[in-house]
C-alpha cells in the first residue's frame, strides 16, 4: 500500500519504477522472463518490504495501530507513511509532488 514510497525509492529508471510498483503482484520467480530492469525493480520492492517489515520503528507503529485497526494495521501504517512522505515531499525530491505524480501516471 505504500505506493509513493516505493515509487520514490525506485529512482530515475522507468523500468525499475515499474518493477517496484508491481512488486506486490508478482509471486515467487514469475518475473524471470521480464526485462532485467523490471526484475531489479521487483527485487528492490522485496528488499524495501523486508527492511521496513523488520525495522523496530515500523513494528512499533504497527503494534500501536493494531489496537484500533486490528488486522489492517500494516495497511494503515503504510498509508500513514506515504502521507508523511507526501507532506514533506519538498524535502526529498526536486520535482513538485503533483508533477511527479503526473509523470508516474504517464509511465
PDB file of N, CA and C in Angstrom:
ATOM      1  N   UNK A   1       0.801  -1.204   0.000  1.00  0.00           N
ATOM      2  CA  UNK A   1       0.000   0.000   0.000  1.00  0.00           C
ATOM      3  C   UNK A   1       0.842   1.266   0.000  1.00  0.00           C
ATOM      4  N   UNK A   2       2.096   1.163   0.282  1.00  0.00           N
ATOM      5  CA  UNK A   2       2.933   2.362   0.328  1.00  0.00           C
ATOM      6  C   UNK A   2       3.501   2.659  -1.057  1.00  0.00           C
ATOM      7  N   UNK A   3       2.601   2.991  -1.978  1.00  0.00           N
ATOM      8  CA  UNK A   3       2.985   3.202  -3.371  1.00  0.00           C
ATOM      9  C   UNK A   3       3.954   4.361  -3.530  1.00  0.00           C
ATOM     10  N   UNK A   4       3.686   5.483  -2.887  1.00  0.00           N
ATOM     11  CA  UNK A   4       4.535   6.649  -3.074  1.00  0.00           C
ATOM     12  C   UNK A   4       5.961   6.362  -2.639  1.00  0.00           C
ATOM     13  N   UNK A   5       6.131   5.723  -1.506  1.00  0.00           N
ATOM     14  CA  UNK A   5       7.483   5.400  -1.037  1.00  0.00           C
ATOM     15  C   UNK A   5       8.192   4.471  -2.013  1.00  0.00           C
ATOM     16  N   UNK A   6       7.494   3.455  -2.496  1.00  0.00           N
ATOM     17  CA  UNK A   6       8.119   2.534  -3.455  1.00  0.00           C
ATOM     18  C   UNK A   6       8.490   3.251  -4.749  1.00  0.00           C
ATOM     19  N   UNK A   7       7.618   4.103  -5.238  1.00  0.00           N
ATOM     20  CA  UNK A   7       7.924   4.843  -6.466  1.00  0.00           C
ATOM     21  C   UNK A   7       9.113   5.766  -6.253  1.00  0.00           C
ATOM     22  N   UNK A   8       9.119   6.468  -5.139  1.00  0.00           N
ATOM     23  CA  UNK A   8      10.218   7.386  -4.821  1.00  0.00           C
ATOM     24  C   UNK A   8      11.553   6.644  -4.733  1.00  0.00           C
ATOM     25  N   UNK A   9      11.555   5.507  -4.059  1.00  0.00           N
ATOM     26  CA  UNK A   9      12.795   4.760  -3.855  1.00  0.00           C
ATOM     27  C   UNK A   9      13.277   4.037  -5.106  1.00  0.00           C
ATOM     28  N   UNK A  10      12.463   4.006  -6.149  1.00  0.00           N
ATOM     29  CA  UNK A  10      12.861   3.366  -7.401  1.00  0.00           C
ATOM     30  C   UNK A  10      13.907   4.179  -8.156  1.00  0.00           C
ATOM     31  N   UNK A  11      13.996   5.458  -7.867  1.00  0.00           N
ATOM     32  CA  UNK A  11      14.981   6.284  -8.559  1.00  0.00           C
ATOM     33  C   UNK A  11      14.485   6.761  -9.911  1.00  0.00           C
ATOM     34  N   UNK A  12      15.395   6.966 -10.828  1.00  0.00           N
ATOM     35  CA  UNK A  12      15.075   7.592 -12.115  1.00  0.00           C
ATOM     36  C   UNK A  12      14.761   6.615 -13.235  1.00  0.00           C
ATOM     37  N   UNK A  13      15.029   5.351 -13.057  1.00  0.00           N
ATOM     38  CA  UNK A  13      14.797   4.367 -14.113  1.00  0.00           C
ATOM     39  C   UNK A  13      13.315   4.020 -14.231  1.00  0.00           C
ATOM     40  N   UNK A  14      12.769   4.207 -15.411  1.00  0.00           N
ATOM     41  CA  UNK A  14      11.356   3.893 -15.648  1.00  0.00           C
ATOM     42  C   UNK A  14      11.085   2.407 -15.422  1.00  0.00           C
ATOM     43  N   UNK A  15      11.948   1.544 -15.923  1.00  0.00           N
ATOM     44  CA  UNK A  15      11.721   0.101 -15.789  1.00  0.00           C
ATOM     45  C   UNK A  15      11.815  -0.354 -14.338  1.00  0.00           C
ATOM     46  N   UNK A  16      12.772   0.177 -13.597  1.00  0.00           N
ATOM     47  CA  UNK A  16      12.886  -0.175 -12.175  1.00  0.00           C
ATOM     48  C   UNK A  16      11.657   0.340 -11.429  1.00  0.00           C
ATOM     49  N   UNK A  17      11.196   1.533 -11.790  1.00  0.00           N
ATOM     50  CA  UNK A  17       9.991   2.081 -11.175  1.00  0.00           C
ATOM     51  C   UNK A  17       8.794   1.158 -11.424  1.00  0.00           C
ATOM     52  N   UNK A  18       8.630   0.695 -12.651  1.00  0.00           N
ATOM     53  CA  UNK A  18       7.524  -0.214 -12.969  1.00  0.00           C
ATOM     54  C   UNK A  18       7.648  -1.494 -12.152  1.00  0.00           C
ATOM     55  N   UNK A  19       8.846  -2.066 -12.105  1.00  0.00           N
ATOM     56  CA  UNK A  19       9.054  -3.289 -11.333  1.00  0.00           C
ATOM     57  C   UNK A  19       8.774  -3.086  -9.856  1.00  0.00           C
ATOM     58  N   UNK A  20       9.212  -1.971  -9.322  1.00  0.00           N
ATOM     59  CA  UNK A  20       8.984  -1.680  -7.906  1.00  0.00           C
ATOM     60  C   UNK A  20       7.493  -1.494  -7.636  1.00  0.00           C
ATOM     61  N   UNK A  21       6.777  -0.900  -8.577  1.00  0.00           N
ATOM     62  CA  UNK A  21       5.342  -0.674  -8.421  1.00  0.00           C
ATOM     63  C   UNK A  21       4.546  -1.985  -8.453  1.00  0.00           C
ATOM     64  N   UNK A  22       4.935  -2.899  -9.319  1.00  0.00           N
ATOM     65  CA  UNK A  22       4.176  -4.152  -9.459  1.00  0.00           C
ATOM     66  C   UNK A  22       4.668  -5.242  -8.516  1.00  0.00           C
ATOM     67  N   UNK A  23       5.636  -4.928  -7.695  1.00  0.00           N
ATOM     68  CA  UNK A  23       6.279  -5.924  -6.842  1.00  0.00           C
ATOM     69  C   UNK A  23       5.344  -6.773  -6.012  1.00  0.00           C
ATOM     70  N   UNK A  24       4.279  -6.196  -5.477  1.00  0.00           N
ATOM     71  CA  UNK A  24       3.334  -6.965  -4.657  1.00  0.00           C
ATOM     72  C   UNK A  24       2.505  -7.937  -5.487  1.00  0.00           C
ATOM     73  N   UNK A  25       2.422  -7.699  -6.779  1.00  0.00           N
ATOM     74  CA  UNK A  25       1.575  -8.533  -7.649  1.00  0.00           C
ATOM     75  C   UNK A  25       2.312  -9.726  -8.232  1.00  0.00           C
ATOM     76  N   UNK A  26       3.620  -9.759  -8.059  1.00  0.00           N
ATOM     77  CA  UNK A  26       4.433 -10.821  -8.662  1.00  0.00           C
ATOM     78  C   UNK A  26       4.833 -11.815  -7.583  1.00  0.00           C
ATOM     79  N   UNK A  27       4.500 -13.053  -7.785  1.00  0.00           N
ATOM     80  CA  UNK A  27       4.795 -14.114  -6.817  1.00  0.00           C
ATOM     81  C   UNK A  27       6.026 -14.922  -7.241  1.00  0.00           C
ATOM     82  N   UNK A  28       6.779 -15.335  -6.241  1.00  0.00           N
ATOM     83  CA  UNK A  28       7.930 -16.210  -6.494  1.00  0.00           C
ATOM     84  C   UNK A  28       8.855 -15.651  -7.552  1.00  0.00           C
ATOM     85  N   UNK A  29       9.216 -16.490  -8.516  1.00  0.00           N
ATOM     86  CA  UNK A  29      10.118 -16.050  -9.587  1.00  0.00           C
ATOM     87  C   UNK A  29       9.371 -15.915 -10.919  1.00  0.00           C
ATOM     88  N   UNK A  30       8.085 -15.598 -10.858  1.00  0.00           N
ATOM     89  CA  UNK A  30       7.276 -15.417 -12.070  1.00  0.00           C
ATOM     90  C   UNK A  30       7.812 -14.315 -12.982  1.00  0.00           C
ATOM     91  N   UNK A  31       8.745 -13.540 -12.516  1.00  0.00           N
ATOM     92  CA  UNK A  31       9.228 -12.390 -13.260  1.00  0.00           C
ATOM     93  C   UNK A  31      10.491 -12.679 -14.068  1.00  0.00           C
ATOM     94  N   UNK A  32      10.934 -13.916 -14.100  1.00  0.00           N
ATOM     95  CA  UNK A  32      12.231 -14.250 -14.711  1.00  0.00           C
ATOM     96  C   UNK A  32      12.295 -13.964 -16.213  1.00  0.00           C
ATOM     97  N   UNK A  33      11.168 -13.836 -16.877  1.00  0.00           N
ATOM     98  CA  UNK A  33      11.186 -13.554 -18.319  1.00  0.00           C
ATOM     99  C   UNK A  33      11.021 -12.065 -18.622  1.00  0.00           C
ATOM    100  N   UNK A  34      10.841 -11.254 -17.598  1.00  0.00           N
ATOM    101  CA  UNK A  34      10.658  -9.819 -17.801  1.00  0.00           C
ATOM    102  C   UNK A  34      11.993  -9.126 -18.066  1.00  0.00           C
ATOM    103  N   UNK A  35      11.922  -7.899 -18.523  1.00  0.00           N
ATOM    104  CA  UNK A  35      13.094  -7.052 -18.726  1.00  0.00           C
ATOM    105  C   UNK A  35      13.936  -7.037 -17.450  1.00  0.00           C
ATOM    106  N   UNK A  36      15.265  -7.118 -17.589  1.00  0.00           N
ATOM    107  CA  UNK A  36      16.140  -7.165 -16.403  1.00  0.00           C
ATOM    108  C   UNK A  36      15.936  -6.002 -15.423  1.00  0.00           C
ATOM    109  N   UNK A  37      15.669  -4.798 -15.929  1.00  0.00           N
ATOM    110  CA  UNK A  37      15.451  -3.675 -15.009  1.00  0.00           C
ATOM    111  C   UNK A  37      14.118  -3.793 -14.277  1.00  0.00           C
ATOM    112  N   UNK A  38      13.105  -4.350 -14.916  1.00  0.00           N
ATOM    113  CA  UNK A  38      11.842  -4.593 -14.218  1.00  0.00           C
ATOM    114  C   UNK A  38      12.075  -5.646 -13.131  1.00  0.00           C
ATOM    115  N   UNK A  39      12.881  -6.659 -13.438  1.00  0.00           N
ATOM    116  CA  UNK A  39      13.241  -7.661 -12.424  1.00  0.00           C
ATOM    117  C   UNK A  39      13.942  -6.992 -11.249  1.00  0.00           C
ATOM    118  N   UNK A  40      14.871  -6.069 -11.546  1.00  0.00           N
ATOM    119  CA  UNK A  40      15.577  -5.352 -10.474  1.00  0.00           C
ATOM    120  C   UNK A  40      14.585  -4.550  -9.629  1.00  0.00           C
ATOM    121  N   UNK A  41      13.596  -3.951 -10.278  1.00  0.00           N
ATOM    122  CA  UNK A  41      12.586  -3.199  -9.548  1.00  0.00           C
ATOM    123  C   UNK A  41      11.778  -4.082  -8.616  1.00  0.00           C
ATOM    124  N   UNK A  42      11.428  -5.278  -9.080  1.00  0.00           N
ATOM    125  CA  UNK A  42      10.686  -6.222  -8.233  1.00  0.00           C
ATOM    126  C   UNK A  42      11.542  -6.646  -7.048  1.00  0.00           C
ATOM    127  N   UNK A  43      12.810  -6.920  -7.307  1.00  0.00           N
ATOM    128  CA  UNK A  43      13.715  -7.300  -6.213  1.00  0.00           C
ATOM    129  C   UNK A  43      13.920  -6.138  -5.245  1.00  0.00           C
ATOM    130  N   UNK A  44      13.973  -4.913  -5.770  1.00  0.00           N
ATOM    131  CA  UNK A  44      14.077  -3.735  -4.911  1.00  0.00           C
ATOM    132  C   UNK A  44      12.839  -3.617  -4.024  1.00  0.00           C
ATOM    133  N   UNK A  45      11.673  -3.833  -4.608  1.00  0.00           N
ATOM    134  CA  UNK A  45      10.429  -3.790  -3.845  1.00  0.00           C
ATOM    135  C   UNK A  45      10.486  -4.777  -2.681  1.00  0.00           C
ATOM    136  N   UNK A  46      10.936  -5.975  -2.953  1.00  0.00           N
ATOM    137  CA  UNK A  46      11.017  -7.006  -1.910  1.00  0.00           C
ATOM    138  C   UNK A  46      12.026  -6.625  -0.835  1.00  0.00           C
ATOM    139  N   UNK A  47      13.138  -6.027  -1.249  1.00  0.00           N
ATOM    140  CA  UNK A  47      14.156  -5.604  -0.274  1.00  0.00           C
ATOM    141  C   UNK A  47      13.617  -4.475   0.616  1.00  0.00           C
ATOM    142  N   UNK A  48      12.905  -3.540   0.021  1.00  0.00           N
ATOM    143  CA  UNK A  48      12.303  -2.448   0.795  1.00  0.00           C
ATOM    144  C   UNK A  48      11.316  -3.012   1.803  1.00  0.00           C
ATOM    145  N   UNK A  49      10.453  -3.928   1.351  1.00  0.00           N
ATOM    146  CA  UNK A  49       9.472  -4.541   2.254  1.00  0.00           C
ATOM    147  C   UNK A  49      10.151  -5.308   3.387  1.00  0.00           C
ATOM    148  N   UNK A  50      11.201  -6.057   3.058  1.00  0.00           N
ATOM    149  CA  UNK A  50      11.928  -6.807   4.097  1.00  0.00           C
ATOM    150  C   UNK A  50      12.509  -5.855   5.138  1.00  0.00           C
ATOM    151  N   UNK A  51      13.115  -4.780   4.658  1.00  0.00           N
ATOM    152  CA  UNK A  51      13.722  -3.809   5.568  1.00  0.00           C
ATOM    153  C   UNK A  51      12.672  -3.170   6.461  1.00  0.00           C
ATOM    154  N   UNK A  52      11.602  -2.658   5.853  1.00  0.00           N
ATOM    155  CA  UNK A  52      10.605  -1.950   6.656  1.00  0.00           C
ATOM    156  C   UNK A  52       9.846  -2.900   7.575  1.00  0.00           C
ATOM    157  N   UNK A  53       9.542  -4.110   7.114  1.00  0.00           N
ATOM    158  CA  UNK A  53       8.772  -5.043   7.946  1.00  0.00           C
ATOM    159  C   UNK A  53       9.535  -5.529   9.167  1.00  0.00           C
ATOM    160  N   UNK A  54      10.853  -5.424   9.132  1.00  0.00           N
ATOM    161  CA  UNK A  54      11.655  -5.867  10.272  1.00  0.00           C
ATOM    162  C   UNK A  54      12.203  -4.699  11.093  1.00  0.00           C
ATOM    163  N   UNK A  55      11.973  -3.467  10.629  1.00  0.00           N
ATOM    164  CA  UNK A  55      12.513  -2.305  11.341  1.00  0.00           C
ATOM    165  C   UNK A  55      11.733  -2.083  12.643  1.00  0.00           C
ATOM    166  N   UNK A  56      12.446  -1.863  13.753  1.00  0.00           N
ATOM    167  CA  UNK A  56      11.779  -1.690  15.056  1.00  0.00           C
ATOM    168  C   UNK A  56      10.756  -0.552  15.091  1.00  0.00           C
ATOM    169  N   UNK A  57      11.026   0.546  14.413  1.00  0.00           N
ATOM    170  CA  UNK A  57      10.089   1.671  14.430  1.00  0.00           C
ATOM    171  C   UNK A  57       8.788   1.294  13.720  1.00  0.00           C
ATOM    172  N   UNK A  58       8.912   0.604  12.595  1.00  0.00           N
ATOM    173  CA  UNK A  58       7.723   0.189  11.852  1.00  0.00           C
ATOM    174  C   UNK A  58       6.932  -0.833  12.665  1.00  0.00           C
ATOM    175  N   UNK A  59       7.629  -1.760  13.261  1.00  0.00           N
ATOM    176  CA  UNK A  59       6.939  -2.756  14.102  1.00  0.00           C
ATOM    177  C   UNK A  59       6.189  -2.094  15.248  1.00  0.00           C
ATOM    178  N   UNK A  60       6.815  -1.111  15.869  1.00  0.00           N
ATOM    179  CA  UNK A  60       6.174  -0.392  16.971  1.00  0.00           C
ATOM    180  C   UNK A  60       4.944   0.377  16.467  1.00  0.00           C
ATOM    181  N   UNK A  61       5.075   0.983  15.303  1.00  0.00           N
ATOM    182  CA  UNK A  61       3.935   1.707  14.719  1.00  0.00           C
ATOM    183  C   UNK A  61       2.769   0.759  14.473  1.00  0.00           C
ATOM    184  N   UNK A  62       3.059  -0.409  13.928  1.00  0.00           N
ATOM    185  CA  UNK A  62       2.003  -1.387  13.642  1.00  0.00           C
ATOM    186  C   UNK A  62       1.351  -1.883  14.927  1.00  0.00           C
ATOM    187  N   UNK A  63       2.149  -2.083  15.967  1.00  0.00           N
ATOM    188  CA  UNK A  63       1.592  -2.523  17.253  1.00  0.00           C
ATOM    189  C   UNK A  63       0.648  -1.462  17.818  1.00  0.00           C
ATOM    190  N   UNK A  64       1.037  -0.205  17.716  1.00  0.00           N
ATOM    191  CA  UNK A  64       0.191   0.880  18.214  1.00  0.00           C
ATOM    192  C   UNK A  64      -1.122   0.952  17.430  1.00  0.00           C
ATOM    193  N   UNK A  65      -1.031   0.791  16.123  1.00  0.00           N
ATOM    194  CA  UNK A  65      -2.221   0.898  15.280  1.00  0.00           C
ATOM    195  C   UNK A  65      -3.143  -0.307  15.422  1.00  0.00           C
ATOM    196  N   UNK A  66      -2.574  -1.441  15.776  1.00  0.00           N
ATOM    197  CA  UNK A  66      -3.352  -2.675  15.823  1.00  0.00           C
ATOM    198  C   UNK A  66      -4.503  -2.602  16.827  1.00  0.00           C
ATOM    199  N   UNK A  67      -4.330  -1.881  17.908  1.00  0.00           N
ATOM    200  CA  UNK A  67      -5.389  -1.761  18.908  1.00  0.00           C
ATOM    201  C   UNK A  67      -6.649  -1.137  18.315  1.00  0.00           C
ATOM    202  N   UNK A  68      -6.464  -0.274  17.327  1.00  0.00           N
ATOM    203  CA  UNK A  68      -7.596   0.418  16.714  1.00  0.00           C
ATOM    204  C   UNK A  68      -8.000  -0.208  15.382  1.00  0.00           C
ATOM    205  N   UNK A  69      -7.016  -0.637  14.619  1.00  0.00           N
ATOM    206  CA  UNK A  69      -7.290  -1.081  13.245  1.00  0.00           C
ATOM    207  C   UNK A  69      -7.264  -2.595  13.064  1.00  0.00           C
ATOM    208  N   UNK A  70      -6.880  -3.312  14.098  1.00  0.00           N
ATOM    209  CA  UNK A  70      -6.848  -4.778  14.014  1.00  0.00           C
ATOM    210  C   UNK A  70      -5.899  -5.282  12.949  1.00  0.00           C
ATOM    211  N   UNK A  71      -6.384  -6.223  12.163  1.00  0.00           N
ATOM    212  CA  UNK A  71      -5.517  -6.864  11.163  1.00  0.00           C
ATOM    213  C   UNK A  71      -5.132  -5.944  10.012  1.00  0.00           C
ATOM    214  N   UNK A  72      -5.714  -4.764   9.955  1.00  0.00           N
ATOM    215  CA  UNK A  72      -5.388  -3.805   8.894  1.00  0.00           C
ATOM    216  C   UNK A  72      -4.268  -2.850   9.300  1.00  0.00           C
ATOM    217  N   UNK A  73      -3.659  -3.087  10.433  1.00  0.00           N
ATOM    218  CA  UNK A  73      -2.624  -2.178  10.942  1.00  0.00           C
ATOM    219  C   UNK A  73      -1.503  -1.960   9.937  1.00  0.00           C
ATOM    220  N   UNK A  74      -1.050  -3.017   9.282  1.00  0.00           N
ATOM    221  CA  UNK A  74       0.049  -2.873   8.309  1.00  0.00           C
ATOM    222  C   UNK A  74      -0.332  -1.945   7.168  1.00  0.00           C
ATOM    223  N   UNK A  75      -1.538  -2.099   6.665  1.00  0.00           N
ATOM    224  CA  UNK A  75      -2.006  -1.254   5.570  1.00  0.00           C
ATOM    225  C   UNK A  75      -2.136   0.191   6.038  1.00  0.00           C
ATOM    226  N   UNK A  76      -2.707   0.380   7.216  1.00  0.00           N
ATOM    227  CA  UNK A  76      -2.896   1.735   7.751  1.00  0.00           C
ATOM    228  C   UNK A  76      -1.548   2.425   7.939  1.00  0.00           C
ATOM    229  N   UNK A  77      -0.587   1.719   8.473  1.00  0.00           N
ATOM    230  CA  UNK A  77       0.739   2.319   8.678  1.00  0.00           C
ATOM    231  C   UNK A  77       1.399   2.653   7.350  1.00  0.00           C
ATOM    232  N   UNK A  78       1.281   1.779   6.360  1.00  0.00           N
ATOM    233  CA  UNK A  78       1.822   2.088   5.029  1.00  0.00           C
ATOM    234  C   UNK A  78       1.213   3.375   4.480  1.00  0.00           C
ATOM    235  N   UNK A  79      -0.094   3.531   4.627  1.00  0.00           N
ATOM    236  CA  UNK A  79      -0.774   4.736   4.138  1.00  0.00           C
ATOM    237  C   UNK A  79      -0.308   5.954   4.926  1.00  0.00           C
ATOM    238  N   UNK A  80      -0.171   5.822   6.241  1.00  0.00           N
ATOM    239  CA  UNK A  80       0.344   6.936   7.049  1.00  0.00           C
ATOM    240  C   UNK A  80       1.739   7.344   6.597  1.00  0.00           C
ATOM    241  N   UNK A  81       2.610   6.371   6.394  1.00  0.00           N
ATOM    242  CA  UNK A  81       3.975   6.704   5.986  1.00  0.00           C
ATOM    243  C   UNK A  81       3.993   7.391   4.621  1.00  0.00           C
ATOM    244  N   UNK A  82       3.161   6.938   3.696  1.00  0.00           N
ATOM    245  CA  UNK A  82       3.064   7.630   2.409  1.00  0.00           C
ATOM    246  C   UNK A  82       2.531   9.051   2.607  1.00  0.00           C
ATOM    247  N   UNK A  83       1.578   9.207   3.516  1.00  0.00           N
ATOM    248  CA  UNK A  83       1.034  10.540   3.812  1.00  0.00           C
ATOM    249  C   UNK A  83       2.141  11.471   4.316  1.00  0.00           C
ATOM    250  N   UNK A  84       2.951  10.976   5.240  1.00  0.00           N
ATOM    251  CA  UNK A  84       4.033  11.800   5.785  1.00  0.00           C
ATOM    252  C   UNK A  84       5.062  12.136   4.706  1.00  0.00           C
ATOM    253  N   UNK A  85       5.359  11.176   3.836  1.00  0.00           N
ATOM    254  CA  UNK A  85       6.277  11.442   2.729  1.00  0.00           C
ATOM    255  C   UNK A  85       5.691  12.522   1.816  1.00  0.00           C
ATOM    256  N   UNK A  86       4.406  12.420   1.512  1.00  0.00           N
ATOM    257  CA  UNK A  86       3.761  13.415   0.647  1.00  0.00           C
ATOM    258  C   UNK A  86       3.786  14.801   1.294  1.00  0.00           C
ATOM    259  N   UNK A  87       3.541  14.858   2.596  1.00  0.00           N
ATOM    260  CA  UNK A  87       3.542  16.149   3.305  1.00  0.00           C
ATOM    261  C   UNK A  87       4.909  16.810   3.278  1.00  0.00           C
ATOM    262  N   UNK A  88       5.960  16.016   3.339  1.00  0.00           N
ATOM    263  CA  UNK A  88       7.328  16.551   3.367  1.00  0.00           C
ATOM    264  C   UNK A  88       8.053  16.359   2.039  1.00  0.00           C
ATOM    265  N   UNK A  89       7.306  16.159   0.979  1.00  0.00           N
ATOM    266  CA  UNK A  89       7.875  15.840  -0.332  1.00  0.00           C
ATOM    267  C   UNK A  89       8.953  16.842  -0.759  1.00  0.00           C
ATOM    268  N   UNK A  90       8.729  18.121  -0.500  1.00  0.00           N
ATOM    269  CA  UNK A  90       9.671  19.162  -0.944  1.00  0.00           C
ATOM    270  C   UNK A  90      11.067  18.966  -0.366  1.00  0.00           C
ATOM    271  N   UNK A  91      11.178  18.245   0.742  1.00  0.00           N
ATOM    272  CA  UNK A  91      12.486  17.993   1.357  1.00  0.00           C
ATOM    273  C   UNK A  91      13.191  16.773   0.754  1.00  0.00           C
ATOM    274  N   UNK A  92      12.480  16.011  -0.053  1.00  0.00           N
ATOM    275  CA  UNK A  92      13.028  14.748  -0.555  1.00  0.00           C
ATOM    276  C   UNK A  92      13.194  14.682  -2.069  1.00  0.00           C
ATOM    277  N   UNK A  93      12.499  15.546  -2.795  1.00  0.00           N
ATOM    278  CA  UNK A  93      12.543  15.460  -4.255  1.00  0.00           C
ATOM    279  C   UNK A  93      12.459  16.863  -4.853  1.00  0.00           C
ATOM    280  N   UNK A  94      13.223  17.094  -5.904  1.00  0.00           N
ATOM    281  CA  UNK A  94      13.239  18.411  -6.543  1.00  0.00           C
ATOM    282  C   UNK A  94      11.953  18.700  -7.312  1.00  0.00           C
ATOM    283  N   UNK A  95      11.312  17.649  -7.831  1.00  0.00           N
ATOM    284  CA  UNK A  95      10.080  17.826  -8.612  1.00  0.00           C
ATOM    285  C   UNK A  95       8.889  17.966  -7.663  1.00  0.00           C
ATOM    286  N   UNK A  96       8.040  18.960  -7.874  1.00  0.00           N
ATOM    287  CA  UNK A  96       6.840  19.081  -7.033  1.00  0.00           C
ATOM    288  C   UNK A  96       5.995  17.804  -7.116  1.00  0.00           C
ATOM    289  N   UNK A  97       5.357  17.464  -6.012  1.00  0.00           N
ATOM    290  CA  UNK A  97       4.606  16.206  -5.941  1.00  0.00           C
ATOM    291  C   UNK A  97       3.546  16.072  -7.034  1.00  0.00           C
ATOM    292  N   UNK A  98       2.725  17.087  -7.319  1.00  0.00           N
ATOM    293  CA  UNK A  98       1.719  16.907  -8.378  1.00  0.00           C
ATOM    294  C   UNK A  98       2.354  16.582  -9.738  1.00  0.00           C
ATOM    295  N   UNK A  99       3.483  17.213 -10.024  1.00  0.00           N
ATOM    296  CA  UNK A  99       4.193  16.946 -11.283  1.00  0.00           C
ATOM    297  C   UNK A  99       4.770  15.524 -11.279  1.00  0.00           C
ATOM    298  N   UNK A 100       5.329  15.117 -10.143  1.00  0.00           N
ATOM    299  CA  UNK A 100       5.875  13.766 -10.024  1.00  0.00           C
ATOM    300  C   UNK A 100       4.769  12.722 -10.232  1.00  0.00           C
ATOM    301  N   UNK A 101       3.635  12.947  -9.592  1.00  0.00           N
ATOM    302  CA  UNK A 101       2.516  12.017  -9.726  1.00  0.00           C
ATOM    303  C   UNK A 101       2.061  11.932 -11.176  1.00  0.00           C
ATOM    304  N   UNK A 102       1.972  13.074 -11.862  1.00  0.00           N
ATOM    305  CA  UNK A 102       1.585  13.062 -13.280  1.00  0.00           C
ATOM    306  C   UNK A 102       2.588  12.268 -14.104  1.00  0.00           C
ATOM    307  N   UNK A 103       3.877  12.433 -13.802  1.00  0.00           N
ATOM    308  CA  UNK A 103       4.897  11.707 -14.576  1.00  0.00           C
ATOM    309  C   UNK A 103       4.782  10.196 -14.344  1.00  0.00           C
ATOM    310  N   UNK A 104       4.479   9.807 -13.120  1.00  0.00           N
ATOM    311  CA  UNK A 104       4.309   8.376 -12.827  1.00  0.00           C
ATOM    312  C   UNK A 104       3.074   7.828 -13.528  1.00  0.00           C
ATOM    313  N   UNK A 105       1.975   8.585 -13.500  1.00  0.00           N
ATOM    314  CA  UNK A 105       0.764   8.147 -14.213  1.00  0.00           C
ATOM    315  C   UNK A 105       1.041   7.996 -15.697  1.00  0.00           C
ATOM    316  N   UNK A 106       1.853   8.881 -16.253  1.00  0.00           N
ATOM    317  CA  UNK A 106       2.203   8.805 -17.675  1.00  0.00           C
ATOM    318  C   UNK A 106       2.971   7.515 -17.965  1.00  0.00           C
ATOM    319  N   UNK A 107       3.884   7.172 -17.074  1.00  0.00           N
ATOM    320  CA  UNK A 107       4.650   5.929 -17.244  1.00  0.00           C
ATOM    321  C   UNK A 107       3.726   4.744 -17.213  1.00  0.00           C
TER     322      UNK A 107
END
